[in-house]
Each structure stands twice: as structure tokens, then as C-alpha cells.
N, C-alpha and C. Protein backbone atom coordinates (compact mmCIF):
# COMPACT_ATOMS: atom_id res chain seq x y z
N ILE A 1 0.78 -0.87 -0.13
CA ILE A 1 -0.09 0.17 -0.12
C ILE A 1 0.99 1.25 -0.60
N VAL A 2 0.67 1.86 -0.98
CA VAL A 2 1.27 3.51 -0.75
C VAL A 2 0.58 4.45 -0.74
N HIS A 3 0.38 5.29 0.30
CA HIS A 3 -0.60 6.33 0.67
C HIS A 3 0.52 7.28 -0.27
N LEU A 4 -0.64 8.50 -0.67
CA LEU A 4 -0.07 10.02 -1.75
C LEU A 4 -0.89 10.60 -0.65
N ILE A 5 -0.34 11.70 -0.63
CA ILE A 5 -0.96 12.77 0.22
C ILE A 5 -0.89 14.61 -0.27
N ASN A 6 -1.64 15.40 -0.58
CA ASN A 6 -0.92 16.31 -1.41
C ASN A 6 -1.04 17.21 -0.47
N LEU A 7 0.25 18.20 0.02
CA LEU A 7 0.63 19.15 0.74
C LEU A 7 0.65 20.22 -0.48
N MET A 8 0.70 20.31 -1.23
CA MET A 8 0.95 21.51 -2.47
C MET A 8 0.11 23.04 -1.59
N ASP A 9 0.69 23.94 -1.94
CA ASP A 9 0.54 25.36 -1.04
C ASP A 9 0.00 25.30 0.21
N ASN A 10 0.85 24.12 1.20
CA ASN A 10 0.72 24.06 2.39
C ASN A 10 1.57 24.58 3.31
N THR A 11 1.51 25.03 4.84
CA THR A 11 2.54 25.12 5.98
C THR A 11 2.97 23.60 6.37
N ASN A 12 4.12 24.59 7.46
CA ASN A 12 4.69 22.95 7.56
C ASN A 12 3.36 22.23 8.96
N ASP A 13 2.61 23.48 9.45
CA ASP A 13 1.43 23.06 9.95
C ASP A 13 0.25 22.45 9.29
N TRP A 14 0.37 21.50 8.49
CA TRP A 14 -0.51 20.98 7.63
C TRP A 14 -1.97 20.10 8.18
N ARG A 15 -1.70 20.39 9.71
CA ARG A 15 -3.33 19.49 10.26
C ARG A 15 -4.16 20.27 9.86
N ASP A 16 -5.31 20.54 10.02
CA ASP A 16 -6.61 21.19 9.52
C ASP A 16 -7.82 20.95 10.83
N ASP A 17 -7.20 20.89 11.68
CA ASP A 17 -8.07 20.57 12.72
C ASP A 17 -9.46 21.81 12.90
N ASP A 18 -9.32 22.85 12.52
CA ASP A 18 -10.20 23.77 12.57
C ASP A 18 -11.34 24.08 10.90
N MET A 19 -10.59 23.22 9.98
CA MET A 19 -11.21 23.08 8.60
C MET A 19 -11.41 24.27 7.90
N ASN A 20 -10.12 25.02 8.14
CA ASN A 20 -9.80 26.80 7.26
C ASN A 20 -8.86 26.97 6.58
N LYS A 21 -8.32 25.54 6.46
CA LYS A 21 -6.98 26.07 5.31
C LYS A 21 -7.69 25.93 3.90
N ARG A 22 -6.91 26.36 3.28
CA ARG A 22 -6.74 26.70 1.78
C ARG A 22 -6.82 25.32 1.50
N VAL A 23 -7.76 24.85 0.14
CA VAL A 23 -7.89 23.31 -0.48
C VAL A 23 -6.71 23.99 -1.51
N PRO A 24 -5.92 22.34 -1.42
CA PRO A 24 -4.74 22.25 -1.98
C PRO A 24 -5.12 22.49 -3.60
N PRO A 25 -4.30 22.58 -4.66
CA PRO A 25 -4.77 22.41 -6.04
C PRO A 25 -4.67 21.10 -6.27
N SER A 26 -5.48 20.68 -7.19
CA SER A 26 -5.91 19.44 -8.12
C SER A 26 -4.53 18.87 -8.61
N LEU A 27 -3.98 17.88 -8.30
CA LEU A 27 -2.59 17.15 -9.16
C LEU A 27 -3.48 16.63 -10.45
N THR A 28 -2.82 16.42 -11.02
CA THR A 28 -3.41 15.52 -12.51
C THR A 28 -1.98 14.64 -13.26
N ASP A 29 -2.25 13.71 -13.34
CA ASP A 29 -1.55 12.76 -14.41
C ASP A 29 0.41 12.96 -13.72
N LEU A 30 0.18 12.20 -12.24
CA LEU A 30 1.60 12.59 -11.96
C LEU A 30 1.78 10.77 -12.50
N SER A 31 3.22 10.98 -12.65
CA SER A 31 4.09 9.73 -12.91
C SER A 31 4.63 9.46 -11.59
N LEU A 32 4.30 8.15 -11.25
CA LEU A 32 5.03 7.35 -9.76
C LEU A 32 6.20 5.73 -10.26
N SER A 33 7.06 6.10 -9.67
CA SER A 33 7.68 4.91 -10.46
C SER A 33 8.62 3.94 -9.12
N ILE A 34 8.36 2.61 -9.08
CA ILE A 34 8.46 1.73 -7.81
C ILE A 34 9.48 0.92 -8.17
N LYS A 35 10.55 0.71 -7.08
CA LYS A 35 11.77 -0.55 -7.87
C LYS A 35 11.70 -1.48 -6.00
N GLY A 36 11.61 -2.71 -6.69
CA GLY A 36 11.72 -3.61 -5.85
C GLY A 36 12.25 -4.75 -6.28
N LYS A 37 11.53 -5.91 -5.41
CA LYS A 37 11.83 -7.36 -5.53
C LYS A 37 10.74 -7.94 -5.81
N LYS A 38 9.69 -7.27 -5.83
CA LYS A 38 8.01 -8.30 -6.26
C LYS A 38 7.91 -7.32 -7.80
N THR A 39 6.67 -8.70 -8.08
CA THR A 39 5.78 -8.00 -9.29
C THR A 39 4.50 -8.06 -8.89
N TYR A 40 3.91 -7.62 -9.71
CA TYR A 40 2.22 -7.15 -9.49
C TYR A 40 1.34 -7.44 -10.72
N SER A 41 0.56 -7.69 -10.49
CA SER A 41 -0.67 -7.90 -11.23
C SER A 41 -1.75 -7.18 -11.43
N ARG A 42 -2.27 -6.43 -10.44
CA ARG A 42 -3.01 -4.81 -10.25
C ARG A 42 -2.66 -4.15 -9.16
N VAL A 43 -3.00 -2.56 -9.97
CA VAL A 43 -3.28 -1.32 -9.46
C VAL A 43 -3.89 -1.10 -9.34
N LEU A 44 -4.29 -0.58 -7.68
CA LEU A 44 -5.85 0.25 -7.36
C LEU A 44 -5.67 1.68 -7.09
N LEU A 45 -6.60 1.96 -7.36
CA LEU A 45 -6.54 3.58 -7.06
C LEU A 45 -7.70 3.76 -6.09
N ILE A 46 -7.34 3.88 -4.80
CA ILE A 46 -8.63 4.22 -3.96
C ILE A 46 -8.81 5.98 -3.14
N SER A 47 -9.80 6.45 -3.87
CA SER A 47 -9.52 7.85 -3.13
C SER A 47 -11.06 8.14 -2.45
N PRO A 48 -11.22 8.59 -1.14
CA PRO A 48 -12.19 9.21 -0.72
C PRO A 48 -12.60 10.21 -1.25
N ASP A 49 -12.23 10.95 -2.20
CA ASP A 49 -12.22 12.46 -2.73
C ASP A 49 -12.98 12.16 -4.11
N ARG A 50 -12.74 11.07 -4.75
CA ARG A 50 -13.59 10.56 -5.72
C ARG A 50 -14.38 9.32 -6.01
N ASN A 51 -15.15 9.13 -7.26
CA ASN A 51 -15.47 7.92 -7.42
C ASN A 51 -15.89 7.36 -6.08
N HIS A 52 -16.83 7.65 -5.67
CA HIS A 52 -17.09 7.41 -3.84
C HIS A 52 -16.27 6.13 -3.28
N GLY A 53 -15.01 6.60 -3.73
CA GLY A 53 -13.95 5.65 -2.67
C GLY A 53 -13.74 4.37 -2.92
N LEU A 54 -14.45 4.01 -3.69
CA LEU A 54 -14.43 2.95 -4.76
C LEU A 54 -12.80 2.44 -6.06
N PRO A 55 -12.45 1.46 -5.49
CA PRO A 55 -11.03 1.08 -6.39
C PRO A 55 -11.24 1.23 -7.53
N MET A 56 -10.65 1.73 -8.42
CA MET A 56 -10.05 2.16 -9.76
C MET A 56 -8.91 1.22 -10.29
N ASP A 57 -9.20 0.29 -11.18
CA ASP A 57 -7.83 -0.33 -11.93
C ASP A 57 -6.97 0.39 -12.41
N LEU A 58 -5.46 1.05 -12.56
CA LEU A 58 -4.87 1.88 -12.91
C LEU A 58 -3.97 0.85 -14.23
N SER A 59 -3.86 0.99 -15.18
CA SER A 59 -2.69 0.75 -16.13
C SER A 59 -1.30 0.87 -15.52
N PHE A 60 -0.65 0.00 -15.70
CA PHE A 60 0.67 -0.06 -15.51
C PHE A 60 1.49 -0.57 -16.03
N THR A 61 3.12 -0.64 -16.10
CA THR A 61 3.93 -1.39 -16.63
C THR A 61 5.27 -1.34 -15.68
N GLN A 62 5.93 -2.91 -16.07
CA GLN A 62 6.55 -3.26 -15.23
C GLN A 62 8.08 -4.08 -16.14
N TYR A 63 8.99 -3.45 -15.38
CA TYR A 63 10.56 -4.11 -16.40
C TYR A 63 11.41 -4.36 -15.32
N GLU A 64 12.54 -5.43 -15.78
CA GLU A 64 13.66 -5.36 -14.66
C GLU A 64 14.74 -5.11 -15.26
N THR A 65 15.69 -4.26 -14.23
CA THR A 65 16.98 -3.26 -14.81
C THR A 65 17.84 -4.29 -13.59
N ASP A 66 18.66 -4.74 -14.24
CA ASP A 66 19.78 -5.24 -12.91
C ASP A 66 19.28 -6.00 -11.65
N GLY A 67 18.31 -6.93 -11.93
CA GLY A 67 17.94 -7.67 -11.00
C GLY A 67 16.54 -6.78 -9.61
N THR A 68 16.53 -5.55 -10.13
CA THR A 68 15.49 -5.12 -9.72
C THR A 68 14.06 -4.83 -10.60
N HIS A 69 12.83 -5.21 -9.67
CA HIS A 69 12.47 -4.99 -10.42
C HIS A 69 11.29 -3.33 -10.46
N ASN A 70 10.54 -2.81 -11.45
CA ASN A 70 10.25 -1.59 -11.68
C ASN A 70 9.36 -1.41 -11.90
N LEU A 71 8.38 -0.92 -11.81
CA LEU A 71 6.60 -0.40 -12.21
C LEU A 71 6.42 1.02 -11.98
N ASP A 72 5.82 1.50 -12.92
CA ASP A 72 5.84 2.85 -13.55
C ASP A 72 4.46 3.23 -13.20
N VAL A 73 3.23 3.67 -13.20
CA VAL A 73 1.99 4.13 -12.72
C VAL A 73 2.27 5.37 -12.99
N THR A 74 0.99 6.19 -13.50
CA THR A 74 0.36 6.91 -14.04
C THR A 74 -0.73 7.36 -12.98
N ILE A 75 -0.63 8.46 -11.62
CA ILE A 75 -1.87 8.77 -11.21
C ILE A 75 -3.05 10.22 -11.14
N PRO A 76 -4.09 9.55 -12.05
CA PRO A 76 -4.88 10.15 -12.83
C PRO A 76 -5.35 11.65 -12.19
N PHE A 77 -4.94 11.48 -10.99
CA PHE A 77 -5.36 12.79 -9.76
C PHE A 77 -5.07 12.48 -8.43
N LEU A 78 -5.25 13.57 -7.46
CA LEU A 78 -4.79 13.30 -6.42
C LEU A 78 -4.91 14.94 -5.81
N ASP A 79 -6.55 14.91 -5.21
CA ASP A 79 -6.85 15.86 -4.71
C ASP A 79 -6.28 16.32 -2.77
N TYR A 80 -6.63 15.15 -2.24
CA TYR A 80 -5.99 15.34 -0.96
C TYR A 80 -5.37 14.06 -0.85
N TRP A 81 -6.25 13.15 -0.92
CA TRP A 81 -5.53 11.69 -0.61
C TRP A 81 -5.88 10.46 -1.31
N ASP A 82 -5.02 9.88 -1.43
CA ASP A 82 -4.84 8.51 -2.41
C ASP A 82 -4.73 7.32 -1.64
N MET A 83 -4.85 6.66 -2.17
CA MET A 83 -4.04 4.84 -1.51
C MET A 83 -3.63 4.48 -2.77
N LEU A 84 -2.66 3.51 -3.44
CA LEU A 84 -2.63 2.92 -4.25
C LEU A 84 -2.56 1.55 -3.53
N VAL A 85 -3.15 0.20 -4.01
CA VAL A 85 -2.93 -0.63 -3.25
C VAL A 85 -2.22 -1.95 -4.57
N LEU A 86 -1.16 -2.27 -4.50
CA LEU A 86 -0.49 -3.08 -5.11
C LEU A 86 -0.68 -4.81 -5.07
N ILE A 87 -0.83 -5.09 -6.13
CA ILE A 87 -1.60 -6.55 -5.83
C ILE A 87 -0.30 -7.41 -6.16
N GLU A 88 0.19 -8.31 -5.58
CA GLU A 88 1.56 -9.22 -5.71
C GLU A 88 1.24 -10.18 -6.56
N THR A 89 2.17 -10.70 -7.53
CA THR A 89 1.47 -11.52 -8.31
C THR A 89 1.77 -12.88 -7.84
N SER A 90 0.93 -13.89 -7.97
CA SER A 90 0.65 -15.09 -7.27
C SER A 90 1.80 -16.59 -8.19
């Protein structure tokens, strides 16, 4: 699981307990590369900000370089918070 939090245009005091902070600008088409030892069969995006929190399948590519597995994926949007769920290849 990978959590993505949008802290653009924010101060170091990013908690918004009083709900009066400026809304961060929405980000789109974010490229993310993950390196590791595993391969994956699915990448899901879950966000409370869109799609009623239902998981969305994302397209991704995988390749290997020098014994390291690489996964590249594009995050279509990031409003406040997104979660990526990486499903390992069985």
C-alpha cells in the first residue's frame, strides 16, 4: 500500500483541525516509479475524494533492470489523499 497526500501550497502546520485551511490544488497525471523485488498483477487507486471511494484499476508497466523490478504507473488525480494498493503476482 502506498499513501499519497497532497500538501501543495501548505505550511509545515498541515493539520486542519479547524477546517479553515486553503484547499490544495488538484494534481493530475502524476508519474510514479516503484523499485523493488516483487512483481504485481494489479494496481488499484482508492480515494475518498472521487468515485465514492471505490477502487479503480490503473494501467501500469513493469520491467526489470539489473535484478530490480520496476513498476511505472500514472496517478490520474490527487485532490487530498489517494491510496494505491499493489496486488502481488501469485
